[in-house]
Amino acid sequence: MENNKPKLILCLALVLSGGWFGCSTAKPPAQPIPASGVNWMGLTGYIGPVFSHEKPILCLLSPGTPPVDEHEAALIIGFAGPMNEAMMKWFREHRKAVVVTIAHLDTSGTKVAALKYGYNYVWVVAGDQNLNLELVRQGFIASNTQTGVNPQDLKIPRADYDAFVQKALQAGKAAKEKKVGMWMDGLPN
């Protein structure tokens, strides 16, 4: 098994920010699921009205997300309120959005109970609109949180993922140039 320590650090940052509750089964959903059927807790969510360790955890951050340092963890926590507001607005405007599993991260070797079964990296989409890209555009998450998926782990065609990565990188560059979210003047970035 590959070293999942950097990913576990990110997961722990999400737990501390109130954004990680749940476990994932080893098999991601085969079909897109309605985003309205997911209880979102920041960048993560679970399916159904009640949390259960028997239901999959879904995450808007890719398995290739680099480890976070204390500064980045503070930014995640600090932007939790405005980010959640932006997400809820997006969901209201895109009521038919669906969750698509892009990759599954196996963290079965961890001793962290909530991560025992891994997680599914997902996109939330409504037609050509993508919540992940919108969060990058608004500077709530960096573009590198959407890249780095091992091609062997992809549950979608590689060409679709590669096109998305290019859009994410462009959105991140634009957010940095516009100085929005984490890129605002006065923030150490």
Protein backbone atom coordinates (compact mmCIF):
# COMPACT_ATOMS: atom_id res chain seq x y z
CA MET A 1 0.00 0.00 0.00
CA GLU A 2 1.29 3.48 -0.87
CA ASN A 3 2.05 6.00 1.86
CA ASN A 4 -1.25 7.69 2.68
CA LYS A 5 0.15 9.85 5.50
CA PRO A 6 -0.18 13.14 3.52
CA LYS A 7 -3.79 12.32 2.72
CA LEU A 8 -4.48 11.43 6.34
CA ILE A 9 -3.12 14.82 7.43
CA LEU A 10 -5.60 16.51 5.10
CA CYS A 11 -8.41 14.31 6.37
CA LEU A 12 -7.55 15.21 9.95
CA ALA A 13 -7.63 18.91 9.02
CA LEU A 14 -11.12 18.31 7.65
CA VAL A 15 -12.17 16.55 10.84
CA LEU A 16 -10.90 19.46 12.93
CA SER A 17 -12.83 21.91 10.76
CA GLY A 18 -16.04 19.95 11.23
CA GLY A 19 -15.93 18.72 7.67
CA TRP A 20 -15.35 14.98 7.90
CA PHE A 21 -17.85 12.55 9.31
CA GLY A 22 -18.26 9.02 8.04
CA CYS A 23 -16.75 6.13 6.21
CA SER A 24 -16.81 4.79 2.72
CA THR A 25 -17.49 1.39 1.35
CA ALA A 26 -14.82 -0.09 -0.92
CA LYS A 27 -17.00 0.30 -4.01
CA PRO A 28 -18.00 3.76 -5.20
CA PRO A 29 -21.53 4.31 -6.49
CA ALA A 30 -21.91 3.04 -10.06
CA GLN A 31 -24.44 5.71 -11.09
CA PRO A 32 -24.45 9.44 -10.44
CA ILE A 33 -26.56 10.19 -7.39
CA PRO A 34 -28.68 13.30 -6.81
CA ALA A 35 -26.67 15.92 -4.91
CA SER A 36 -29.86 16.66 -2.98
CA GLY A 37 -29.54 13.20 -1.39
CA VAL A 38 -26.17 14.08 0.15
CA ASN A 39 -25.70 15.74 3.53
CA TRP A 40 -22.76 18.08 2.96
CA MET A 41 -20.44 18.96 5.81
CA GLY A 42 -18.07 21.40 4.16
CA LEU A 43 -16.04 19.61 1.50
CA THR A 44 -17.32 16.18 2.48
CA GLY A 45 -20.69 14.54 2.68
CA TYR A 46 -22.58 11.33 3.23
CA ILE A 47 -25.57 9.80 1.51
CA GLY A 48 -28.92 9.78 3.28
CA PRO A 49 -30.61 11.71 6.07
CA VAL A 50 -28.68 10.08 8.91
CA PHE A 51 -24.93 9.50 9.22
CA SER A 52 -23.95 5.85 9.16
CA HIS A 53 -20.60 4.10 8.95
CA GLU A 54 -22.28 1.84 6.40
CA LYS A 55 -22.67 4.64 3.83
CA PRO A 56 -19.92 6.11 1.68
CA ILE A 57 -18.11 9.34 2.49
CA LEU A 58 -17.81 11.69 -0.46
CA CYS A 59 -15.12 14.34 -0.82
CA LEU A 60 -14.64 17.28 -3.19
CA LEU A 61 -10.85 17.02 -2.77
CA SER A 62 -8.88 14.58 -4.90
CA PRO A 63 -6.77 11.72 -3.51
CA GLY A 64 -3.77 13.52 -5.00
CA THR A 65 -4.28 16.62 -2.85
CA PRO A 66 -0.95 17.63 -1.37
CA PRO A 67 -0.58 17.58 2.42
CA VAL A 68 -1.69 20.70 4.25
CA ASP A 69 0.46 22.63 6.64
CA GLU A 70 -0.85 24.56 9.65
CA HIS A 71 -1.39 27.70 7.54
CA GLU A 72 -3.45 25.85 4.93
CA ALA A 73 -5.50 24.09 7.63
CA ALA A 74 -6.24 27.51 9.18
CA LEU A 75 -7.40 28.80 5.78
CA ILE A 76 -9.71 25.80 5.34
CA ILE A 77 -11.20 26.39 8.78
CA GLY A 78 -11.34 30.17 8.32
CA PHE A 79 -13.19 29.94 5.01
CA ALA A 80 -15.62 27.23 6.16
CA GLY A 81 -18.55 29.63 6.72
CA PRO A 82 -18.30 31.61 3.47
CA MET A 83 -17.51 28.44 1.51
CA ASN A 84 -20.56 26.66 2.90
CA GLU A 85 -22.72 29.67 2.01
CA ALA A 86 -21.36 29.61 -1.56
CA MET A 87 -22.03 25.87 -1.78
CA MET A 88 -25.61 26.23 -0.55
CA LYS A 89 -26.21 29.03 -3.07
CA TRP A 90 -24.82 26.80 -5.84
CA PHE A 91 -27.07 23.93 -4.76
CA ARG A 92 -30.15 26.22 -4.75
CA GLU A 93 -29.30 27.36 -8.27
CA HIS A 94 -28.57 23.82 -9.50
CA ARG A 95 -31.32 21.69 -7.97
CA LYS A 96 -30.81 18.85 -10.45
CA ALA A 97 -27.09 18.51 -9.73
CA VAL A 98 -25.64 15.02 -9.41
CA VAL A 99 -22.62 13.57 -7.66
CA VAL A 100 -20.22 11.66 -9.91
CA THR A 101 -17.49 9.46 -8.43
CA ILE A 102 -14.14 10.23 -10.05
CA ALA A 103 -11.80 8.04 -7.96
CA HIS A 104 -11.69 6.02 -4.75
CA LEU A 105 -8.92 6.37 -2.17
CA ASP A 106 -8.22 3.21 -0.22
CA THR A 107 -7.18 4.09 3.33
CA SER A 108 -7.94 0.66 4.78
CA GLY A 109 -4.54 0.57 6.51
CA THR A 110 -5.29 3.58 8.71
CA LYS A 111 -6.18 3.40 12.37
CA VAL A 112 -8.48 6.42 12.06
CA ALA A 113 -11.93 4.82 12.35
CA ALA A 114 -13.66 7.37 10.12
CA LEU A 115 -11.21 6.58 7.31
CA LYS A 116 -11.22 2.81 7.65
CA TYR A 117 -12.94 2.28 4.29
CA GLY A 118 -11.44 5.17 2.32
CA TYR A 119 -13.34 7.86 0.48
CA ASN A 120 -14.66 8.72 -2.93
CA TYR A 121 -13.37 11.82 -4.72
CA VAL A 122 -16.42 13.29 -6.45
CA TRP A 123 -17.51 16.08 -8.72
CA VAL A 124 -20.88 17.74 -8.27
CA VAL A 125 -22.24 18.66 -11.69
CA ALA A 126 -25.33 20.13 -13.29
CA GLY A 127 -24.98 20.02 -17.06
CA ASP A 128 -21.74 21.86 -17.85
CA GLN A 129 -21.63 23.51 -14.40
CA ASN A 130 -19.28 22.02 -11.80
CA LEU A 131 -19.27 22.87 -8.08
CA ASN A 132 -15.63 21.82 -7.68
CA LEU A 133 -14.57 24.33 -10.34
CA GLU A 134 -16.76 27.03 -8.80
CA LEU A 135 -15.03 26.59 -5.43
CA VAL A 136 -11.65 26.95 -7.18
CA ARG A 137 -12.91 30.04 -9.08
CA GLN A 138 -13.99 31.69 -5.83
CA GLY A 139 -10.67 30.90 -4.14
CA PHE A 140 -12.12 28.61 -1.48
CA ILE A 141 -9.95 25.69 -2.59
CA ALA A 142 -6.73 25.63 -4.61
CA SER A 143 -6.64 24.10 -8.07
CA ASN A 144 -4.15 21.46 -6.92
CA THR A 145 -6.90 19.95 -4.74
CA GLN A 146 -8.52 18.78 -7.97
CA THR A 147 -5.47 17.22 -9.62
CA GLY A 148 -3.18 14.30 -8.93
CA VAL A 149 -5.58 11.38 -9.35
CA ASN A 150 -3.73 8.24 -10.32
CA PRO A 151 -4.98 7.37 -13.84
CA GLN A 152 -5.45 3.74 -12.75
CA ASP A 153 -7.96 4.88 -10.12
CA LEU A 154 -10.17 6.92 -12.45
CA LYS A 155 -13.81 5.87 -12.68
CA ILE A 156 -14.35 8.18 -15.69
CA PRO A 157 -12.59 8.43 -19.07
CA ARG A 158 -9.06 9.84 -18.79
CA ALA A 159 -9.78 12.48 -21.46
CA ASP A 160 -12.68 13.85 -19.36
CA TYR A 161 -10.46 14.06 -16.29
CA ASP A 162 -7.60 15.70 -18.21
CA ALA A 163 -9.98 18.34 -19.64
CA PHE A 164 -11.31 19.03 -16.12
CA VAL A 165 -7.77 19.43 -14.73
CA GLN A 166 -7.03 22.08 -17.36
CA LYS A 167 -10.21 23.96 -16.39
CA ALA A 168 -9.27 23.69 -12.70
CA LEU A 169 -5.79 25.07 -13.34
CA GLN A 170 -7.25 27.98 -15.36
CA ALA A 171 -9.82 28.68 -12.63
CA GLY A 172 -7.09 28.67 -9.99
CA LYS A 173 -4.93 31.05 -11.99
CA ALA A 174 -7.90 33.41 -12.47
CA ALA A 175 -8.75 33.32 -8.73
CA LYS A 176 -5.17 34.17 -7.86
CA GLU A 177 -5.09 37.04 -10.38
CA LYS A 178 -8.42 38.40 -9.09
CA LYS A 179 -7.22 37.98 -5.50
CA VAL A 180 -10.36 36.24 -4.28
CA GLY A 181 -10.75 33.82 -1.37
CA MET A 182 -7.42 32.50 -0.15
CA TRP A 183 -5.65 34.80 -2.59
CA MET A 184 -6.97 38.05 -1.04
CA ASP A 185 -4.47 40.72 -0.18
CA GLY A 186 -3.37 40.52 3.43
CA LEU A 187 -3.50 36.73 3.65
CA PRO A 188 -0.22 34.82 3.72
CA ASN A 189 -0.35 32.69 0.53
